[in-house]
Amino acid sequence: MKVKRIFVAALVILLAGTFGHVYGKDTAQGKSGAKAEAKAMVIKAEEFVKENGKEEAIAEFNKPDGQFVKDSFYVFAYDLKGTVIAHPFRPSLMGKNVINERDSQGKLFRKEIVEKAKAKGEGWVDYKYLNPATKKEKSKTTYFKKVGDMIICCGAY
């Protein structure tokens, strides 16, 4: 009887470790896949700017049903002072300087995006944000790239 209990316990531990490893791996791959998608959207947006000009690009970025919105991914943009110049789901932000607005954890994430874009040209910033698809606050990472006098961004939840 004792041998059977030990065998069952060992089997449970083995299975838990195996499934935990597989689940963790899938979750990590999902996050890296989402980050790759966000970065690809920014690169596509950068190419659009180069081919069509800033004004046409901003108009396209602002379309909720445009080519720069895909599932929970969408391109948005700031000028170099932190003013929103494109956002497909929050037109109320257009023309608003948001550099000093904090996320729910107190982080000045937009200020960080602007400063890093000016210093390094591109990168990633993590923060909390309301997911427009689920209407719930989630952890978000945003890839950004300075293109001319604007910063093009796309986040991954």
N, C-alpha and C. Protein backbone atom coordinates (compact mmCIF):
# COMPACT_ATOMS: atom_id res chain seq x y z
N MET A 1 0.82 -1.18 0.00
CA MET A 1 0.00 0.00 0.00
C MET A 1 0.87 1.26 0.00
N LYS A 2 1.91 1.25 0.83
CA LYS A 2 2.81 2.39 0.92
C LYS A 2 3.54 2.61 -0.41
N VAL A 3 3.93 1.53 -1.07
CA VAL A 3 4.61 1.61 -2.37
C VAL A 3 3.69 2.24 -3.41
N LYS A 4 2.42 1.87 -3.36
CA LYS A 4 1.45 2.41 -4.31
C LYS A 4 1.29 3.92 -4.12
N ARG A 5 1.23 4.40 -2.88
CA ARG A 5 1.12 5.83 -2.58
C ARG A 5 2.35 6.58 -3.08
N ILE A 6 3.50 6.02 -2.85
CA ILE A 6 4.74 6.65 -3.31
C ILE A 6 4.75 6.73 -4.83
N PHE A 7 4.34 5.64 -5.48
CA PHE A 7 4.28 5.63 -6.95
C PHE A 7 3.31 6.70 -7.46
N VAL A 8 2.13 6.80 -6.89
CA VAL A 8 1.13 7.79 -7.31
C VAL A 8 1.66 9.21 -7.07
N ALA A 9 2.27 9.43 -5.92
CA ALA A 9 2.82 10.75 -5.61
C ALA A 9 3.91 11.12 -6.61
N ALA A 10 4.78 10.17 -6.93
CA ALA A 10 5.84 10.43 -7.89
C ALA A 10 5.27 10.72 -9.27
N LEU A 11 4.24 10.00 -9.65
CA LEU A 11 3.59 10.23 -10.94
C LEU A 11 2.95 11.61 -11.00
N VAL A 12 2.28 12.01 -9.93
CA VAL A 12 1.66 13.35 -9.88
C VAL A 12 2.72 14.43 -10.00
N ILE A 13 3.81 14.29 -9.29
CA ILE A 13 4.89 15.28 -9.35
C ILE A 13 5.48 15.35 -10.76
N LEU A 14 5.70 14.20 -11.35
CA LEU A 14 6.25 14.13 -12.71
C LEU A 14 5.32 14.82 -13.71
N LEU A 15 4.03 14.50 -13.64
CA LEU A 15 3.06 15.10 -14.57
C LEU A 15 2.93 16.60 -14.34
N ALA A 16 2.90 17.01 -13.08
CA ALA A 16 2.79 18.44 -12.77
C ALA A 16 3.99 19.19 -13.32
N GLY A 17 5.16 18.62 -13.15
CA GLY A 17 6.38 19.26 -13.67
C GLY A 17 6.37 19.33 -15.19
N THR A 18 5.93 18.26 -15.83
CA THR A 18 5.88 18.22 -17.29
C THR A 18 4.88 19.23 -17.83
N PHE A 19 3.65 19.20 -17.30
CA PHE A 19 2.63 20.14 -17.80
C PHE A 19 2.97 21.58 -17.43
N GLY A 20 3.54 21.78 -16.25
CA GLY A 20 3.96 23.13 -15.86
C GLY A 20 5.01 23.67 -16.81
N HIS A 21 5.95 22.82 -17.19
CA HIS A 21 7.00 23.24 -18.12
C HIS A 21 6.40 23.56 -19.49
N VAL A 22 5.53 22.69 -19.97
CA VAL A 22 4.90 22.91 -21.28
C VAL A 22 4.06 24.16 -21.26
N TYR A 23 3.24 24.34 -20.20
CA TYR A 23 2.39 25.53 -20.10
C TYR A 23 3.25 26.80 -20.05
N GLY A 24 4.27 26.78 -19.25
CA GLY A 24 5.16 27.95 -19.15
C GLY A 24 5.81 28.27 -20.48
N LYS A 25 6.20 27.23 -21.20
CA LYS A 25 6.83 27.42 -22.51
C LYS A 25 5.83 28.03 -23.49
N ASP A 26 4.59 27.51 -23.50
CA ASP A 26 3.56 28.05 -24.39
C ASP A 26 3.27 29.51 -24.05
N THR A 27 3.20 29.83 -22.77
CA THR A 27 2.93 31.20 -22.36
C THR A 27 4.06 32.12 -22.82
N ALA A 28 5.29 31.69 -22.64
CA ALA A 28 6.43 32.50 -23.06
C ALA A 28 6.43 32.68 -24.57
N GLN A 29 6.12 31.61 -25.30
CA GLN A 29 6.07 31.72 -26.76
C GLN A 29 4.96 32.66 -27.18
N GLY A 30 3.82 32.62 -26.47
CA GLY A 30 2.71 33.51 -26.78
C GLY A 30 3.09 34.96 -26.60
N LYS A 31 3.80 35.25 -25.52
CA LYS A 31 4.24 36.62 -25.27
C LYS A 31 5.26 37.07 -26.31
N SER A 32 6.20 36.21 -26.66
CA SER A 32 7.20 36.61 -27.65
C SER A 32 6.55 36.75 -29.02
N GLY A 33 5.53 35.93 -29.31
CA GLY A 33 4.80 36.06 -30.56
C GLY A 33 4.05 37.37 -30.63
N ALA A 34 3.45 37.77 -29.51
CA ALA A 34 2.73 39.04 -29.45
C ALA A 34 3.68 40.21 -29.62
N LYS A 35 4.84 40.12 -29.00
CA LYS A 35 5.83 41.19 -29.15
C LYS A 35 6.30 41.28 -30.59
N ALA A 36 6.49 40.15 -31.23
CA ALA A 36 6.92 40.15 -32.64
C ALA A 36 5.84 40.78 -33.52
N GLU A 37 4.59 40.51 -33.22
CA GLU A 37 3.48 41.09 -33.98
C GLU A 37 3.44 42.61 -33.80
N ALA A 38 3.61 43.07 -32.56
CA ALA A 38 3.61 44.52 -32.30
C ALA A 38 4.75 45.21 -33.05
N LYS A 39 5.93 44.63 -32.99
CA LYS A 39 7.08 45.21 -33.69
C LYS A 39 6.85 45.21 -35.20
N ALA A 40 6.29 44.14 -35.72
CA ALA A 40 6.01 44.07 -37.17
C ALA A 40 5.02 45.14 -37.59
N MET A 41 4.03 45.43 -36.74
CA MET A 41 3.06 46.48 -37.05
C MET A 41 3.75 47.85 -37.13
N VAL A 42 4.67 48.11 -36.22
CA VAL A 42 5.39 49.40 -36.23
C VAL A 42 6.26 49.50 -37.48
N ILE A 43 6.93 48.44 -37.84
CA ILE A 43 7.78 48.45 -39.04
C ILE A 43 6.93 48.67 -40.29
N LYS A 44 5.78 48.02 -40.34
CA LYS A 44 4.85 48.21 -41.46
C LYS A 44 4.38 49.67 -41.51
N ALA A 45 4.09 50.23 -40.34
CA ALA A 45 3.66 51.63 -40.26
C ALA A 45 4.77 52.57 -40.70
N GLU A 46 6.00 52.27 -40.31
CA GLU A 46 7.15 53.08 -40.72
C GLU A 46 7.27 53.08 -42.25
N GLU A 47 7.13 51.92 -42.86
CA GLU A 47 7.21 51.82 -44.32
C GLU A 47 6.09 52.62 -44.98
N PHE A 48 4.90 52.59 -44.37
CA PHE A 48 3.77 53.34 -44.90
C PHE A 48 4.07 54.84 -44.87
N VAL A 49 4.66 55.31 -43.79
CA VAL A 49 5.04 56.73 -43.68
C VAL A 49 6.02 57.09 -44.79
N LYS A 50 7.02 56.27 -44.98
CA LYS A 50 8.05 56.54 -45.99
C LYS A 50 7.45 56.55 -47.41
N GLU A 51 6.47 55.70 -47.66
CA GLU A 51 5.87 55.60 -48.99
C GLU A 51 4.77 56.64 -49.25
N ASN A 52 4.04 57.03 -48.19
CA ASN A 52 2.85 57.86 -48.37
C ASN A 52 2.87 59.21 -47.68
N GLY A 53 3.87 59.43 -46.83
CA GLY A 53 3.96 60.70 -46.11
C GLY A 53 3.27 60.65 -44.76
N LYS A 54 3.65 61.59 -43.92
CA LYS A 54 3.19 61.64 -42.54
C LYS A 54 1.67 61.85 -42.44
N GLU A 55 1.13 62.81 -43.18
CA GLU A 55 -0.30 63.14 -43.05
C GLU A 55 -1.19 61.96 -43.44
N GLU A 56 -0.87 61.30 -44.55
CA GLU A 56 -1.66 60.15 -44.98
C GLU A 56 -1.52 59.00 -43.99
N ALA A 57 -0.32 58.85 -43.44
CA ALA A 57 -0.09 57.79 -42.45
C ALA A 57 -0.92 58.03 -41.19
N ILE A 58 -0.92 59.24 -40.69
CA ILE A 58 -1.70 59.56 -39.49
C ILE A 58 -3.18 59.29 -39.74
N ALA A 59 -3.67 59.68 -40.90
CA ALA A 59 -5.08 59.41 -41.24
C ALA A 59 -5.36 57.91 -41.22
N GLU A 60 -4.44 57.13 -41.75
CA GLU A 60 -4.63 55.67 -41.77
C GLU A 60 -4.51 55.08 -40.37
N PHE A 61 -3.57 55.56 -39.55
CA PHE A 61 -3.42 55.06 -38.18
C PHE A 61 -4.68 55.31 -37.36
N ASN A 62 -5.42 56.37 -37.67
CA ASN A 62 -6.61 56.74 -36.91
C ASN A 62 -7.86 55.95 -37.28
N LYS A 63 -7.80 55.12 -38.29
CA LYS A 63 -8.97 54.35 -38.72
C LYS A 63 -9.13 53.09 -37.87
N PRO A 64 -10.25 52.98 -37.12
CA PRO A 64 -10.47 51.77 -36.31
C PRO A 64 -10.57 50.49 -37.14
N ASP A 65 -10.93 50.62 -38.41
CA ASP A 65 -11.03 49.46 -39.28
C ASP A 65 -9.95 49.47 -40.36
N GLY A 66 -8.88 50.21 -40.12
CA GLY A 66 -7.81 50.35 -41.11
C GLY A 66 -6.80 49.22 -41.05
N GLN A 67 -5.80 49.33 -41.88
CA GLN A 67 -4.79 48.28 -41.99
C GLN A 67 -3.83 48.20 -40.81
N PHE A 68 -3.89 49.17 -39.91
CA PHE A 68 -3.00 49.16 -38.75
C PHE A 68 -3.73 48.78 -37.47
N VAL A 69 -4.83 48.06 -37.62
CA VAL A 69 -5.57 47.48 -36.51
C VAL A 69 -5.78 46.01 -36.85
N LYS A 70 -5.32 45.15 -35.95
CA LYS A 70 -5.46 43.70 -36.17
C LYS A 70 -5.63 43.04 -34.81
N ASP A 71 -6.80 42.48 -34.58
CA ASP A 71 -7.12 41.85 -33.29
C ASP A 71 -6.89 42.87 -32.17
N SER A 72 -6.05 42.55 -31.18
CA SER A 72 -5.79 43.50 -30.09
C SER A 72 -4.58 44.40 -30.38
N PHE A 73 -4.04 44.32 -31.58
CA PHE A 73 -2.90 45.15 -31.96
C PHE A 73 -3.38 46.36 -32.74
N TYR A 74 -2.84 47.52 -32.41
CA TYR A 74 -3.16 48.73 -33.16
C TYR A 74 -2.01 49.71 -33.04
N VAL A 75 -1.79 50.45 -34.11
CA VAL A 75 -0.73 51.46 -34.13
C VAL A 75 -1.30 52.77 -33.59
N PHE A 76 -0.49 53.44 -32.78
CA PHE A 76 -0.81 54.79 -32.30
C PHE A 76 0.48 55.59 -32.35
N ALA A 77 0.37 56.92 -32.26
CA ALA A 77 1.57 57.73 -32.42
C ALA A 77 1.52 59.00 -31.57
N TYR A 78 2.71 59.44 -31.20
CA TYR A 78 2.92 60.69 -30.46
C TYR A 78 3.85 61.58 -31.26
N ASP A 79 3.79 62.89 -30.97
CA ASP A 79 4.84 63.75 -31.47
C ASP A 79 5.99 63.68 -30.46
N LEU A 80 7.04 64.43 -30.69
CA LEU A 80 8.23 64.33 -29.82
C LEU A 80 8.06 65.02 -28.47
N LYS A 81 6.89 65.63 -28.25
CA LYS A 81 6.61 66.25 -26.95
C LYS A 81 5.61 65.44 -26.13
N GLY A 82 5.13 64.33 -26.70
CA GLY A 82 4.19 63.48 -25.98
C GLY A 82 2.73 63.79 -26.25
N THR A 83 2.47 64.49 -27.34
CA THR A 83 1.09 64.78 -27.73
C THR A 83 0.61 63.66 -28.66
N VAL A 84 -0.60 63.17 -28.42
CA VAL A 84 -1.17 62.10 -29.24
C VAL A 84 -1.52 62.67 -30.61
N ILE A 85 -0.96 62.04 -31.65
CA ILE A 85 -1.27 62.46 -33.02
C ILE A 85 -2.03 61.37 -33.78
N ALA A 86 -2.12 60.16 -33.22
CA ALA A 86 -2.89 59.09 -33.84
C ALA A 86 -3.28 58.05 -32.80
N HIS A 87 -4.55 57.68 -32.80
CA HIS A 87 -5.04 56.59 -31.95
C HIS A 87 -6.39 56.15 -32.50
N PRO A 88 -6.49 54.91 -33.00
CA PRO A 88 -7.72 54.49 -33.66
C PRO A 88 -8.92 54.30 -32.74
N PHE A 89 -8.71 54.14 -31.45
CA PHE A 89 -9.81 53.85 -30.53
C PHE A 89 -10.08 54.95 -29.51
N ARG A 90 -9.22 55.94 -29.43
CA ARG A 90 -9.42 57.01 -28.44
C ARG A 90 -9.26 58.38 -29.11
N PRO A 91 -10.21 58.74 -29.99
CA PRO A 91 -10.11 60.03 -30.67
C PRO A 91 -10.12 61.22 -29.71
N SER A 92 -10.63 61.01 -28.50
CA SER A 92 -10.64 62.09 -27.51
C SER A 92 -9.23 62.48 -27.08
N LEU A 93 -8.25 61.62 -27.33
CA LEU A 93 -6.86 61.93 -26.97
C LEU A 93 -6.15 62.77 -28.03
N MET A 94 -6.72 62.86 -29.22
CA MET A 94 -6.06 63.57 -30.32
C MET A 94 -5.73 65.01 -29.92
N GLY A 95 -4.47 65.38 -30.11
CA GLY A 95 -4.02 66.73 -29.79
C GLY A 95 -3.74 66.96 -28.32
N LYS A 96 -3.91 65.95 -27.50
CA LYS A 96 -3.70 66.08 -26.06
C LYS A 96 -2.29 65.64 -25.69
N ASN A 97 -1.62 66.46 -24.91
CA ASN A 97 -0.30 66.08 -24.42
C ASN A 97 -0.51 65.19 -23.20
N VAL A 98 -0.01 63.97 -23.28
CA VAL A 98 -0.23 62.96 -22.23
C VAL A 98 1.07 62.53 -21.55
N ILE A 99 2.12 63.29 -21.77
CA ILE A 99 3.44 62.88 -21.28
C ILE A 99 3.49 62.74 -19.76
N ASN A 100 2.68 63.52 -19.03
CA ASN A 100 2.72 63.45 -17.57
C ASN A 100 1.59 62.64 -16.95
N GLU A 101 0.84 61.90 -17.78
CA GLU A 101 -0.21 61.04 -17.26
C GLU A 101 0.39 59.69 -16.88
N ARG A 102 -0.04 59.19 -15.75
CA ARG A 102 0.51 57.94 -15.20
C ARG A 102 -0.43 56.76 -15.45
N ASP A 103 0.14 55.55 -15.45
CA ASP A 103 -0.71 54.36 -15.47
C ASP A 103 -1.21 54.12 -14.05
N SER A 104 -1.96 53.06 -13.83
CA SER A 104 -2.55 52.80 -12.51
C SER A 104 -1.50 52.52 -11.43
N GLN A 105 -0.28 52.21 -11.85
CA GLN A 105 0.81 51.94 -10.91
C GLN A 105 1.67 53.18 -10.67
N GLY A 106 1.30 54.30 -11.29
CA GLY A 106 2.04 55.54 -11.10
C GLY A 106 3.17 55.76 -12.09
N LYS A 107 3.31 54.89 -13.08
CA LYS A 107 4.41 54.98 -14.03
C LYS A 107 4.12 56.01 -15.13
N LEU A 108 5.09 56.87 -15.39
CA LEU A 108 5.00 57.83 -16.50
C LEU A 108 5.49 57.14 -17.77
N PHE A 109 4.71 56.21 -18.27
CA PHE A 109 5.16 55.35 -19.37
C PHE A 109 5.30 56.12 -20.68
N ARG A 110 4.44 57.09 -20.91
CA ARG A 110 4.54 57.85 -22.16
C ARG A 110 5.80 58.73 -22.14
N LYS A 111 6.10 59.27 -20.99
CA LYS A 111 7.33 60.06 -20.86
C LYS A 111 8.54 59.17 -21.14
N GLU A 112 8.50 57.95 -20.63
CA GLU A 112 9.58 56.99 -20.88
C GLU A 112 9.69 56.67 -22.37
N ILE A 113 8.55 56.48 -23.03
CA ILE A 113 8.55 56.21 -24.47
C ILE A 113 9.20 57.37 -25.22
N VAL A 114 8.77 58.59 -24.92
CA VAL A 114 9.31 59.78 -25.62
C VAL A 114 10.81 59.93 -25.36
N GLU A 115 11.22 59.81 -24.11
CA GLU A 115 12.64 59.97 -23.78
C GLU A 115 13.51 58.89 -24.45
N LYS A 116 13.06 57.66 -24.40
CA LYS A 116 13.83 56.57 -25.03
C LYS A 116 13.85 56.72 -26.55
N ALA A 117 12.74 57.15 -27.12
CA ALA A 117 12.68 57.33 -28.58
C ALA A 117 13.68 58.40 -29.01
N LYS A 118 13.75 59.48 -28.27
CA LYS A 118 14.70 60.56 -28.59
C LYS A 118 16.15 60.09 -28.42
N ALA A 119 16.40 59.31 -27.38
CA ALA A 119 17.77 58.89 -27.07
C ALA A 119 18.24 57.70 -27.90
N LYS A 120 17.36 56.71 -28.09
CA LYS A 120 17.77 55.46 -28.72
C LYS A 120 17.11 55.18 -30.06
N GLY A 121 16.02 55.89 -30.35
CA GLY A 121 15.32 55.70 -31.62
C GLY A 121 14.22 54.66 -31.58
N GLU A 122 14.37 53.64 -30.74
CA GLU A 122 13.36 52.59 -30.65
C GLU A 122 13.56 51.81 -29.37
N GLY A 123 12.56 50.99 -29.02
CA GLY A 123 12.68 50.17 -27.82
C GLY A 123 11.33 49.69 -27.33
N TRP A 124 11.32 49.22 -26.08
CA TRP A 124 10.13 48.67 -25.43
C TRP A 124 9.91 49.34 -24.09
N VAL A 125 8.63 49.53 -23.72
CA VAL A 125 8.26 50.04 -22.40
C VAL A 125 7.08 49.20 -21.90
N ASP A 126 7.14 48.80 -20.62
CA ASP A 126 6.08 48.02 -19.99
C ASP A 126 5.26 48.90 -19.06
N TYR A 127 3.94 48.67 -19.01
CA TYR A 127 3.04 49.44 -18.16
C TYR A 127 1.68 48.75 -18.08
N LYS A 128 0.74 49.34 -17.37
CA LYS A 128 -0.63 48.84 -17.26
C LYS A 128 -1.52 49.72 -18.14
N TYR A 129 -2.50 49.08 -18.84
CA TYR A 129 -3.37 49.84 -19.74
C TYR A 129 -4.69 49.11 -19.95
N LEU A 130 -5.73 49.85 -20.25
CA LEU A 130 -7.04 49.28 -20.52
C LEU A 130 -7.05 48.67 -21.91
N ASN A 131 -7.25 47.35 -21.98
CA ASN A 131 -7.32 46.65 -23.25
C ASN A 131 -8.65 46.99 -23.91
N PRO A 132 -8.64 47.62 -25.11
CA PRO A 132 -9.90 48.02 -25.73
C PRO A 132 -10.78 46.82 -26.13
N ALA A 133 -10.18 45.67 -26.34
CA ALA A 133 -10.96 44.49 -26.73
C ALA A 133 -11.68 43.88 -25.52
N THR A 134 -11.00 43.79 -24.38
CA THR A 134 -11.60 43.14 -23.21
C THR A 134 -12.19 44.14 -22.20
N LYS A 135 -11.83 45.41 -22.34
CA LYS A 135 -12.27 46.47 -21.41
C LYS A 135 -11.75 46.24 -19.99
N LYS A 136 -10.63 45.52 -19.88
CA LYS A 136 -10.01 45.28 -18.58
C LYS A 136 -8.58 45.77 -18.61
N GLU A 137 -8.11 46.25 -17.44
CA GLU A 137 -6.73 46.69 -17.35
C GLU A 137 -5.81 45.47 -17.37
N LYS A 138 -4.76 45.59 -18.17
CA LYS A 138 -3.82 44.48 -18.34
C LYS A 138 -2.40 45.02 -18.37
N SER A 139 -1.44 44.12 -18.19
CA SER A 139 -0.05 44.48 -18.41
C SER A 139 0.14 44.61 -19.91
N LYS A 140 0.87 45.63 -20.30
CA LYS A 140 1.09 45.88 -21.72
C LYS A 140 2.56 46.23 -21.94
N THR A 141 3.10 45.79 -23.04
CA THR A 141 4.43 46.21 -23.45
C THR A 141 4.28 46.84 -24.82
N THR A 142 4.91 47.97 -25.01
CA THR A 142 4.79 48.69 -26.27
C THR A 142 6.14 48.83 -26.94
N TYR A 143 6.14 48.48 -28.22
CA TYR A 143 7.31 48.73 -29.05
C TYR A 143 7.10 50.08 -29.70
N PHE A 144 8.15 50.89 -29.73
CA PHE A 144 8.06 52.22 -30.33
C PHE A 144 9.27 52.47 -31.21
N LYS A 145 9.07 53.34 -32.18
CA LYS A 145 10.17 53.72 -33.07
C LYS A 145 9.97 55.17 -33.49
N LYS A 146 11.04 55.94 -33.39
CA LYS A 146 11.02 57.33 -33.83
C LYS A 146 11.16 57.34 -35.36
N VAL A 147 10.20 57.97 -36.01
CA VAL A 147 10.20 58.07 -37.46
C VAL A 147 10.00 59.55 -37.77
N GLY A 148 11.06 60.21 -38.19
CA GLY A 148 10.98 61.65 -38.41
C GLY A 148 10.70 62.36 -37.10
N ASP A 149 9.63 63.16 -37.09
CA ASP A 149 9.29 63.91 -35.88
C ASP A 149 8.10 63.29 -35.13
N MET A 150 7.92 61.99 -35.31
CA MET A 150 6.86 61.31 -34.56
C MET A 150 7.37 59.97 -34.02
N ILE A 151 6.62 59.45 -33.06
CA ILE A 151 6.96 58.16 -32.46
C ILE A 151 5.80 57.22 -32.74
N ILE A 152 6.08 56.18 -33.51
CA ILE A 152 5.06 55.20 -33.87
C ILE A 152 5.13 54.05 -32.86
N CYS A 153 3.98 53.64 -32.36
CA CYS A 153 3.92 52.63 -31.30
C CYS A 153 2.90 51.54 -31.61
N CYS A 154 3.15 50.37 -31.05
CA CYS A 154 2.15 49.30 -31.03
C CYS A 154 2.43 48.44 -29.81
N GLY A 155 1.37 48.16 -29.06
CA GLY A 155 1.54 47.40 -27.83
C GLY A 155 1.03 45.98 -27.94
N ALA A 156 1.49 45.17 -26.99
CA ALA A 156 1.05 43.78 -26.88
C ALA A 156 0.60 43.54 -25.45
N TYR A 157 -0.57 42.95 -25.30
CA TYR A 157 -1.10 42.63 -23.97
C TYR A 157 -0.70 41.22 -23.58
